[in-house]
C-alpha atoms as a PDB file:
ATOM      1  CA  UNK A   1      19.658 -22.644 -10.536  1.00  0.00           C
ATOM      2  CA  UNK A   2      16.447 -22.147  -8.603  1.00  0.00           C
ATOM      3  CA  UNK A   3      13.172 -20.960 -10.142  1.00  0.00           C
ATOM      4  CA  UNK A   4      11.853 -19.500  -6.878  1.00  0.00           C
ATOM      5  CA  UNK A   5      15.016 -17.425  -6.387  1.00  0.00           C
ATOM      6  CA  UNK A   6      14.739 -16.038  -9.928  1.00  0.00           C
ATOM      7  CA  UNK A   7      11.125 -15.040  -9.322  1.00  0.00           C
ATOM      8  CA  UNK A   8      12.122 -13.458  -6.008  1.00  0.00           C
ATOM      9  CA  UNK A   9      14.380 -10.989  -7.833  1.00  0.00           C
ATOM     10  CA  UNK A  10      11.933 -10.217 -10.663  1.00  0.00           C
ATOM     11  CA  UNK A  11      10.177  -6.876 -10.664  1.00  0.00           C
ATOM     12  CA  UNK A  12       6.372  -6.911 -10.255  1.00  0.00           C
ATOM     13  CA  UNK A  13       6.052  -5.872 -13.904  1.00  0.00           C
ATOM     14  CA  UNK A  14       8.252  -8.745 -15.067  1.00  0.00           C
ATOM     15  CA  UNK A  15       6.319 -11.243 -12.957  1.00  0.00           C
ATOM     16  CA  UNK A  16       3.070 -10.027 -14.519  1.00  0.00           C
ATOM     17  CA  UNK A  17       4.453 -10.252 -18.058  1.00  0.00           C
ATOM     18  CA  UNK A  18       6.126 -13.652 -17.796  1.00  0.00           C
ATOM     19  CA  UNK A  19       4.620 -17.090 -17.646  1.00  0.00           C
ATOM     20  CA  UNK A  20       6.711 -19.955 -16.370  1.00  0.00           C
ATOM     21  CA  UNK A  21      10.444 -20.435 -15.950  1.00  0.00           C
ATOM     22  CA  UNK A  22      11.482 -23.792 -17.428  1.00  0.00           C
ATOM     23  CA  UNK A  23      14.728 -25.231 -16.066  1.00  0.00           C
ATOM     24  CA  UNK A  24      16.926 -27.966 -17.565  1.00  0.00           C
ATOM     25  CA  UNK A  25      20.122 -29.458 -16.257  1.00  0.00           C
ATOM     26  CA  UNK A  26      21.163 -30.224 -19.842  1.00  0.00           C
ATOM     27  CA  UNK A  27      19.512 -29.653 -23.216  1.00  0.00           C
ATOM     28  CA  UNK A  28      20.510 -29.393 -26.857  1.00  0.00           C
ATOM     29  CA  UNK A  29      19.785 -25.661 -27.000  1.00  0.00           C
ATOM     30  CA  UNK A  30      17.477 -23.341 -25.063  1.00  0.00           C
ATOM     31  CA  UNK A  31      16.568 -21.614 -28.331  1.00  0.00           C
ATOM     32  CA  UNK A  32      15.793 -24.957 -29.969  1.00  0.00           C
ATOM     33  CA  UNK A  33      13.561 -25.961 -27.055  1.00  0.00           C
ATOM     34  CA  UNK A  34      11.774 -22.607 -27.181  1.00  0.00           C
ATOM     35  CA  UNK A  35      11.101 -23.035 -30.904  1.00  0.00           C
ATOM     36  CA  UNK A  36       9.825 -26.580 -30.325  1.00  0.00           C
ATOM     37  CA  UNK A  37       7.391 -25.274 -27.713  1.00  0.00           C
ATOM     38  CA  UNK A  38       6.182 -22.586 -30.097  1.00  0.00           C
ATOM     39  CA  UNK A  39       5.651 -25.123 -32.875  1.00  0.00           C
ATOM     40  CA  UNK A  40       3.707 -27.278 -30.413  1.00  0.00           C
ATOM     41  CA  UNK A  41       1.329 -24.366 -29.830  1.00  0.00           C
ATOM     42  CA  UNK A  42       2.586 -22.866 -26.557  1.00  0.00           C
ATOM     43  CA  UNK A  43       1.580 -19.221 -26.179  1.00  0.00           C
ATOM     44  CA  UNK A  44       2.488 -16.274 -23.982  1.00  0.00           C
ATOM     45  CA  UNK A  45       5.929 -15.394 -22.608  1.00  0.00           C
ATOM     46  CA  UNK A  46       8.323 -17.721 -20.821  1.00  0.00           C
ATOM     47  CA  UNK A  47      11.991 -18.434 -20.105  1.00  0.00           C
ATOM     48  CA  UNK A  48      13.990 -21.581 -20.823  1.00  0.00           C
ATOM     49  CA  UNK A  49      17.197 -21.985 -18.785  1.00  0.00           C
ATOM     50  CA  UNK A  50      19.873 -24.689 -18.881  1.00  0.00           C
ATOM     51  CA  UNK A  51      23.053 -25.446 -16.969  1.00  0.00           C
ATOM     52  CA  UNK A  52      24.617 -26.901 -20.108  1.00  0.00           C
ATOM     53  CA  UNK A  53      23.856 -27.217 -23.818  1.00  0.00           C
ATOM     54  CA  UNK A  54      25.064 -29.967 -26.100  1.00  0.00           C
ATOM     55  CA  UNK A  55      24.225 -28.083 -29.307  1.00  0.00           C
ATOM     56  CA  UNK A  56      24.363 -24.402 -28.370  1.00  0.00           C
ATOM     57  CA  UNK A  57      24.228 -22.035 -31.332  1.00  0.00           C
ATOM     58  CA  UNK A  58      25.706 -18.626 -32.033  1.00  0.00           C
ATOM     59  CA  UNK A  59      25.494 -16.254 -34.969  1.00  0.00           C
ATOM     60  CA  UNK A  60      26.643 -17.288 -38.456  1.00  0.00           C
ATOM     61  CA  UNK A  61      26.101 -20.961 -37.633  1.00  0.00           C
ATOM     62  CA  UNK A  62      28.822 -21.077 -34.982  1.00  0.00           C
ATOM     63  CA  UNK A  63      28.709 -23.527 -32.108  1.00  0.00           C
ATOM     64  CA  UNK A  64      28.443 -21.926 -28.651  1.00  0.00           C
ATOM     65  CA  UNK A  65      30.579 -23.870 -26.177  1.00  0.00           C
ATOM     66  CA  UNK A  66      28.232 -24.687 -23.301  1.00  0.00           C
ATOM     67  CA  UNK A  67      29.922 -26.799 -20.653  1.00  0.00           C
ATOM     68  CA  UNK A  68      28.031 -27.472 -17.416  1.00  0.00           C
ATOM     69  CA  UNK A  69      28.638 -24.647 -14.984  1.00  0.00           C
ATOM     70  CA  UNK A  70      30.618 -22.682 -17.567  1.00  0.00           C
ATOM     71  CA  UNK A  71      27.860 -20.254 -18.417  1.00  0.00           C
ATOM     72  CA  UNK A  72      24.299 -19.066 -18.153  1.00  0.00           C
ATOM     73  CA  UNK A  73      22.220 -20.234 -21.095  1.00  0.00           C
ATOM     74  CA  UNK A  74      18.741 -18.802 -21.426  1.00  0.00           C
ATOM     75  CA  UNK A  75      16.016 -18.016 -23.925  1.00  0.00           C
ATOM     76  CA  UNK A  76      13.147 -15.624 -23.383  1.00  0.00           C
ATOM     77  CA  UNK A  77      10.107 -16.013 -25.631  1.00  0.00           C
ATOM     78  CA  UNK A  78       7.793 -13.074 -26.275  1.00  0.00           C
ATOM     79  CA  UNK A  79       5.003 -12.301 -28.711  1.00  0.00           C
ATOM     80  CA  UNK A  80       5.199  -9.197 -30.933  1.00  0.00           C
ATOM     81  CA  UNK A  81       2.617  -7.317 -32.959  1.00  0.00           C
ATOM     82  CA  UNK A  82       5.284  -5.553 -35.055  1.00  0.00           C
ATOM     83  CA  UNK A  83       6.207  -6.932 -38.464  1.00  0.00           C
ATOM     84  CA  UNK A  84       9.500  -8.815 -38.719  1.00  0.00           C
ATOM     85  CA  UNK A  85      11.271  -6.002 -40.613  1.00  0.00           C
ATOM     86  CA  UNK A  86      10.622  -3.641 -37.701  1.00  0.00           C
ATOM     87  CA  UNK A  87      12.578  -5.909 -35.340  1.00  0.00           C
ATOM     88  CA  UNK A  88      15.978  -5.567 -37.047  1.00  0.00           C
ATOM     89  CA  UNK A  89      17.612  -3.660 -34.189  1.00  0.00           C
ATOM     90  CA  UNK A  90      16.058  -5.651 -31.347  1.00  0.00           C
ATOM     91  CA  UNK A  91      19.352  -7.496 -30.801  1.00  0.00           C
ATOM     92  CA  UNK A  92      21.025  -4.156 -29.979  1.00  0.00           C
ATOM     93  CA  UNK A  93      18.325  -3.394 -27.412  1.00  0.00           C
ATOM     94  CA  UNK A  94      18.925  -6.839 -25.908  1.00  0.00           C
ATOM     95  CA  UNK A  95      22.667  -6.176 -25.642  1.00  0.00           C
ATOM     96  CA  UNK A  96      22.053  -2.798 -23.977  1.00  0.00           C
ATOM     97  CA  UNK A  97      19.731  -4.504 -21.483  1.00  0.00           C
ATOM     98  CA  UNK A  98      22.282  -7.216 -20.701  1.00  0.00           C
ATOM     99  CA  UNK A  99      24.974  -4.580 -20.224  1.00  0.00           C
ATOM    100  CA  UNK A 100      22.714  -2.811 -17.705  1.00  0.00           C
ATOM    101  CA  UNK A 101      22.102  -6.055 -15.782  1.00  0.00           C
ATOM    102  CA  UNK A 102      25.791  -6.943 -15.609  1.00  0.00           C
ATOM    103  CA  UNK A 103      26.691  -3.409 -14.520  1.00  0.00           C
ATOM    104  CA  UNK A 104      24.028  -3.551 -11.789  1.00  0.00           C
ATOM    105  CA  UNK A 105      25.692  -6.747 -10.574  1.00  0.00           C
ATOM    106  CA  UNK A 106      28.984  -4.858 -10.245  1.00  0.00           C
ATOM    107  CA  UNK A 107      30.779  -5.842 -13.453  1.00  0.00           C
ATOM    108  CA  UNK A 108      32.639  -2.776 -14.718  1.00  0.00           C
ATOM    109  CA  UNK A 109      34.174  -1.504 -17.962  1.00  0.00           C
ATOM    110  CA  UNK A 110      31.943  -3.475 -20.318  1.00  0.00           C
ATOM    111  CA  UNK A 111      31.397  -2.456 -23.919  1.00  0.00           C
ATOM    112  CA  UNK A 112      29.226  -3.578 -26.821  1.00  0.00           C
ATOM    113  CA  UNK A 113      30.090  -4.888 -30.264  1.00  0.00           C
ATOM    114  CA  UNK A 114      27.592  -4.439 -33.073  1.00  0.00           C
ATOM    115  CA  UNK A 115      25.150  -5.998 -33.371  1.00  0.00           C
ATOM    116  CA  UNK A 116      24.891  -8.126 -30.219  1.00  0.00           C
ATOM    117  CA  UNK A 117      28.003  -8.955 -28.181  1.00  0.00           C
ATOM    118  CA  UNK A 118      29.066  -7.811 -24.723  1.00  0.00           C
ATOM    119  CA  UNK A 119      32.835  -7.403 -24.338  1.00  0.00           C
ATOM    120  CA  UNK A 120      35.350  -6.670 -21.618  1.00  0.00           C
ATOM    121  CA  UNK A 121      38.613  -5.237 -22.957  1.00  0.00           C
ATOM    122  CA  UNK A 122      37.656  -6.626 -26.390  1.00  0.00           C
ATOM    123  CA  UNK A 123      37.166 -10.128 -24.995  1.00  0.00           C
ATOM    124  CA  UNK A 124      33.726 -11.650 -25.442  1.00  0.00           C
ATOM    125  CA  UNK A 125      31.750 -12.104 -22.244  1.00  0.00           C
ATOM    126  CA  UNK A 126      28.277 -12.708 -23.670  1.00  0.00           C
ATOM    127  CA  UNK A 127      26.527 -13.245 -26.981  1.00  0.00           C
ATOM    128  CA  UNK A 128      22.965 -12.948 -28.216  1.00  0.00           C
ATOM    129  CA  UNK A 129      21.040 -14.852 -30.879  1.00  0.00           C
ATOM    130  CA  UNK A 130      17.505 -13.740 -31.731  1.00  0.00           C
ATOM    131  CA  UNK A 131      15.260 -16.049 -33.740  1.00  0.00           C
ATOM    132  CA  UNK A 132      11.782 -15.364 -35.125  1.00  0.00           C
ATOM    133  CA  UNK A 133       8.888 -17.786 -35.279  1.00  0.00           C
ATOM    134  CA  UNK A 134       5.732 -16.949 -37.232  1.00  0.00           C
ATOM    135  CA  UNK A 135       2.605 -19.062 -37.019  1.00  0.00           C
ATOM    136  CA  UNK A 136      -0.169 -17.704 -39.243  1.00  0.00           C
ATOM    137  CA  UNK A 137      -0.447 -14.056 -38.134  1.00  0.00           C
ATOM    138  CA  UNK A 138       1.355 -14.486 -34.786  1.00  0.00           C
ATOM    139  CA  UNK A 139       5.029 -13.534 -34.479  1.00  0.00           C
ATOM    140  CA  UNK A 140       7.220 -14.569 -31.547  1.00  0.00           C
ATOM    141  CA  UNK A 141      10.837 -13.670 -30.876  1.00  0.00           C
ATOM    142  CA  UNK A 142      13.192 -16.029 -29.062  1.00  0.00           C
ATOM    143  CA  UNK A 143      15.860 -14.010 -27.240  1.00  0.00           C
ATOM    144  CA  UNK A 144      18.791 -16.405 -26.854  1.00  0.00           C
ATOM    145  CA  UNK A 145      21.550 -15.298 -24.468  1.00  0.00           C
ATOM    146  CA  UNK A 146      24.771 -16.976 -23.428  1.00  0.00           C
ATOM    147  CA  UNK A 147      26.897 -15.473 -20.650  1.00  0.00           C
ATOM    148  CA  UNK A 148      30.321 -16.903 -19.831  1.00  0.00           C
ATOM    149  CA  UNK A 149      30.413 -17.710 -16.134  1.00  0.00           C
ATOM    150  CA  UNK A 150      33.456 -19.908 -15.473  1.00  0.00           C
ATOM    151  CA  UNK A 151      35.055 -21.181 -18.674  1.00  0.00           C
ATOM    152  CA  UNK A 152      37.292 -24.254 -18.382  1.00  0.00           C
ATOM    153  CA  UNK A 153      40.573 -24.225 -20.286  1.00  0.00           C
ATOM    154  CA  UNK A 154      39.194 -26.725 -22.821  1.00  0.00           C
ATOM    155  CA  UNK A 155      36.300 -24.399 -23.677  1.00  0.00           C
ATOM    156  CA  UNK A 156      38.641 -21.443 -24.180  1.00  0.00           C
ATOM    157  CA  UNK A 157      40.760 -23.584 -26.496  1.00  0.00           C
ATOM    158  CA  UNK A 158      37.725 -24.692 -28.505  1.00  0.00           C
ATOM    159  CA  UNK A 159      36.406 -21.160 -28.880  1.00  0.00           C
ATOM    160  CA  UNK A 160      39.676 -19.973 -30.379  1.00  0.00           C
ATOM    161  CA  UNK A 161      38.811 -16.287 -29.953  1.00  0.00           C
ATOM    162  CA  UNK A 162      39.481 -13.759 -27.179  1.00  0.00           C
ATOM    163  CA  UNK A 163      36.965 -14.502 -24.406  1.00  0.00           C
ATOM    164  CA  UNK A 164      36.483 -13.848 -20.715  1.00  0.00           C
ATOM    165  CA  UNK A 165      34.063 -14.919 -17.974  1.00  0.00           C
ATOM    166  CA  UNK A 166      32.323 -13.412 -14.970  1.00  0.00           C
ATOM    167  CA  UNK A 167      34.484 -15.246 -12.439  1.00  0.00           C
ATOM    168  CA  UNK A 168      37.520 -13.479 -13.908  1.00  0.00           C
ATOM    169  CA  UNK A 169      35.863 -10.071 -13.640  1.00  0.00           C
ATOM    170  CA  UNK A 170      34.290 -10.194 -10.179  1.00  0.00           C
ATOM    171  CA  UNK A 171      35.668 -10.752  -6.695  1.00  0.00           C
ATOM    172  CA  UNK A 172      32.507 -12.374  -5.358  1.00  0.00           C
ATOM    173  CA  UNK A 173      30.642 -15.456  -6.485  1.00  0.00           C
ATOM    174  CA  UNK A 174      28.024 -14.529  -9.066  1.00  0.00           C
ATOM    175  CA  UNK A 175      24.408 -14.939  -7.991  1.00  0.00           C
ATOM    176  CA  UNK A 176      23.101 -16.441 -11.243  1.00  0.00           C
ATOM    177  CA  UNK A 177      19.424 -16.209 -10.263  1.00  0.00           C
ATOM    178  CA  UNK A 178      19.811 -12.514  -9.499  1.00  0.00           C
ATOM    179  CA  UNK A 179      21.626 -11.915 -12.791  1.00  0.00           C
ATOM    180  CA  UNK A 180      18.887 -13.644 -14.808  1.00  0.00           C
ATOM    181  CA  UNK A 181      16.246 -11.553 -13.044  1.00  0.00           C
ATOM    182  CA  UNK A 182      18.204  -8.313 -13.503  1.00  0.00           C
ATOM    183  CA  UNK A 183      18.441  -9.021 -17.212  1.00  0.00           C
ATOM    184  CA  UNK A 184      14.708  -9.725 -17.553  1.00  0.00           C
ATOM    185  CA  UNK A 185      13.894  -6.640 -15.456  1.00  0.00           C
ATOM    186  CA  UNK A 186      15.983  -4.500 -17.819  1.00  0.00           C
ATOM    187  CA  UNK A 187      14.931  -6.159 -21.076  1.00  0.00           C
ATOM    188  CA  UNK A 188      11.133  -6.180 -20.772  1.00  0.00           C
ATOM    189  CA  UNK A 189      10.598  -2.400 -20.274  1.00  0.00           C
ATOM    190  CA  UNK A 190      13.156  -1.722 -22.997  1.00  0.00           C
ATOM    191  CA  UNK A 191      11.245  -3.998 -25.354  1.00  0.00           C
ATOM    192  CA  UNK A 192       7.991  -2.196 -24.555  1.00  0.00           C
ATOM    193  CA  UNK A 193       9.721   1.132 -25.255  1.00  0.00           C
ATOM    194  CA  UNK A 194      11.130  -0.279 -28.504  1.00  0.00           C
ATOM    195  CA  UNK A 195       7.680  -1.441 -29.618  1.00  0.00           C
ATOM    196  CA  UNK A 196       6.287   2.037 -29.045  1.00  0.00           C
ATOM    197  CA  UNK A 197       9.104   4.235 -30.370  1.00  0.00           C
ATOM    198  CA  UNK A 198      11.622   2.102 -32.267  1.00  0.00           C
ATOM    199  CA  UNK A 199      15.391   2.149 -31.749  1.00  0.00           C
ATOM    200  CA  UNK A 200      15.877   5.921 -31.647  1.00  0.00           C
ATOM    201  CA  UNK A 201      15.780   6.250 -27.801  1.00  0.00           C
ATOM    202  CA  UNK A 202      18.571   3.659 -27.560  1.00  0.00           C
ATOM    203  CA  UNK A 203      20.933   5.169 -30.140  1.00  0.00           C
ATOM    204  CA  UNK A 204      22.942   7.334 -27.726  1.00  0.00           C
ATOM    205  CA  UNK A 205      23.295   4.503 -25.205  1.00  0.00           C
ATOM    206  CA  UNK A 206      24.652   2.176 -27.880  1.00  0.00           C
ATOM    207  CA  UNK A 207      27.139   4.706 -29.251  1.00  0.00           C
ATOM    208  CA  UNK A 208      28.350   5.521 -25.740  1.00  0.00           C
ATOM    209  CA  UNK A 209      29.095   1.823 -25.130  1.00  0.00           C
ATOM    210  CA  UNK A 210      30.270   0.866 -28.636  1.00  0.00           C
ATOM    211  CA  UNK A 211      33.729  -0.745 -28.437  1.00  0.00           C
ATOM    212  CA  UNK A 212      34.731   0.152 -31.989  1.00  0.00           C
ATOM    213  CA  UNK A 213      33.229   3.593 -32.530  1.00  0.00           C
ATOM    214  CA  UNK A 214      35.770   5.899 -34.231  1.00  0.00           C
ATOM    215  CA  UNK A 215      38.057   2.909 -34.884  1.00  0.00           C
ATOM    216  CA  UNK A 216      39.015   1.309 -38.179  1.00  0.00           C
ATOM    217  CA  UNK A 217      37.074  -1.902 -38.767  1.00  0.00           C
ATOM    218  CA  UNK A 218      36.202  -4.504 -41.369  1.00  0.00           C
ATOM    219  CA  UNK A 219      32.629  -5.741 -41.814  1.00  0.00           C
ATOM    220  CA  UNK A 220      32.114  -9.069 -43.556  1.00  0.00           C
ATOM    221  CA  UNK A 221      28.595  -9.852 -44.770  1.00  0.00           C
ATOM    222  CA  UNK A 222      28.576 -13.027 -46.839  1.00  0.00           C
ATOM    223  CA  UNK A 223      30.957 -12.377 -49.740  1.00  0.00           C
ATOM    224  CA  UNK A 224      30.815  -8.610 -49.277  1.00  0.00           C
ATOM    225  CA  UNK A 225      33.487  -6.774 -47.323  1.00  0.00           C
ATOM    226  CA  UNK A 226      33.473  -3.146 -46.172  1.00  0.00           C
ATOM    227  CA  UNK A 227      36.566  -1.402 -44.764  1.00  0.00           C
ATOM    228  CA  UNK A 228      36.519   1.956 -42.992  1.00  0.00           C
ATOM    229  CA  UNK A 229      36.018   3.816 -39.728  1.00  0.00           C
ATOM    230  CA  UNK A 230      33.071   3.012 -37.494  1.00  0.00           C
ATOM    231  CA  UNK A 231      30.790   5.983 -36.877  1.00  0.00           C
ATOM    232  CA  UNK A 232      28.514   4.133 -34.490  1.00  0.00           C
ATOM    233  CA  UNK A 233      24.878   3.387 -35.305  1.00  0.00           C
ATOM    234  CA  UNK A 234      22.063   5.508 -36.706  1.00  0.00           C
ATOM    235  CA  UNK A 235      18.584   5.878 -35.211  1.00  0.00           C
ATOM    236  CA  UNK A 236      17.497   2.574 -36.796  1.00  0.00           C
ATOM    237  CA  UNK A 237      20.412   0.607 -35.313  1.00  0.00           C
ATOM    238  CA  UNK A 238      22.267   0.264 -38.609  1.00  0.00           C
ATOM    239  CA  UNK A 239      26.066   0.458 -38.510  1.00  0.00           C
ATOM    240  CA  UNK A 240      27.518   3.652 -39.989  1.00  0.00           C
ATOM    241  CA  UNK A 241      30.926   3.514 -41.624  1.00  0.00           C
ATOM    242  CA  UNK A 242      33.167   6.074 -43.285  1.00  0.00           C
ATOM    243  CA  UNK A 243      34.913   4.425 -46.235  1.00  0.00           C
ATOM    244  CA  UNK A 244      37.191   5.591 -49.010  1.00  0.00           C
ATOM    245  CA  UNK A 245      34.137   6.110 -51.217  1.00  0.00           C
ATOM    246  CA  UNK A 246      31.994   7.891 -48.626  1.00  0.00           C
ATOM    247  CA  UNK A 247      29.641   7.069 -45.785  1.00  0.00           C
ATOM    248  CA  UNK A 248      27.932   3.674 -45.847  1.00  0.00           C
ATOM    249  CA  UNK A 249      25.021   2.264 -43.884  1.00  0.00           C
ATOM    250  CA  UNK A 250      25.406  -1.422 -43.015  1.00  0.00           C
ATOM    251  CA  UNK A 251      22.412  -3.475 -41.870  1.00  0.00           C
ATOM    252  CA  UNK A 252      24.037  -6.908 -41.593  1.00  0.00           C
ATOM    253  CA  UNK A 253      27.387  -8.586 -41.105  1.00  0.00           C
ATOM    254  CA  UNK A 254      30.106  -9.090 -38.529  1.00  0.00           C
ATOM    255  CA  UNK A 255      32.725  -6.615 -37.321  1.00  0.00           C
ATOM    256  CA  UNK A 256      36.412  -7.495 -37.348  1.00  0.00           C
ATOM    257  CA  UNK A 257      38.899  -5.004 -35.907  1.00  0.00           C
ATOM    258  CA  UNK A 258      41.386  -5.643 -38.716  1.00  0.00           C
ATOM    259  CA  UNK A 259      41.966  -7.527 -41.962  1.00  0.00           C
ATOM    260  CA  UNK A 260      44.364  -9.785 -40.063  1.00  0.00           C
ATOM    261  CA  UNK A 261      41.599 -10.822 -37.661  1.00  0.00           C
ATOM    262  CA  UNK A 262      39.302 -11.426 -40.627  1.00  0.00           C
ATOM    263  CA  UNK A 263      41.894 -13.660 -42.291  1.00  0.00           C
ATOM    264  CA  UNK A 264      42.236 -15.807 -39.173  1.00  0.00           C
ATOM    265  CA  UNK A 265      38.487 -15.839 -38.522  1.00  0.00           C
ATOM    266  CA  UNK A 266      39.019 -14.706 -34.941  1.00  0.00           C
ATOM    267  CA  UNK A 267      36.987 -11.586 -34.205  1.00  0.00           C
ATOM    268  CA  UNK A 268      36.361 -10.424 -30.664  1.00  0.00           C
END
């Protein structure tokens, strides 16, 4: 991956907002490196990119398989003036932005899974992990993104869940620098909009792209389990669910399409 080619595809607004692009051939985790830089006192906005990760992380403590050349692994760091509680639905905005970038690149029929996965025919193409870092009164968000590019058979076996990659979904070789730039170009204005108005402007977009809306689902959050029909998200980004006891609002957890999938631990 080439820093100059990424910058070539960035919008003028993105170039003005971002600092440097930091590239690694291999690293433990782009999120971990971003947090180390924050703890060392680095300020502003920047991107960390790697061709492979030896300790990539996903949600719920999962390992993200990160073989060299198998994916795009990046973290964007940005400062926020909002309080942490106001950032709950930022992962949904990130997923919407990534969907827009992938669609602009020509990838079709993508959907979203609450709160932060991009799917193709219920197979995971990309995942998002947001982490907060607060130093005194300054709050930064690390936007961690992993996009499957060309998964080897061993990686698919290790993941043990339905997955796909860009090489399976496109006829042409993916321009990774262009994709990174398209994502940043989509994310930054969406983040600015989110800071000003909250999640409400994004609600319809999410519900239009939601893979499980109007389907029966199971949501597991720690030891709590909710079973019902997905009604999409509300204007705060919370998951709405119609259950046997009435409508519930869920603010955390993981969606499984069935109890069977929950029992095997293999959600999409």
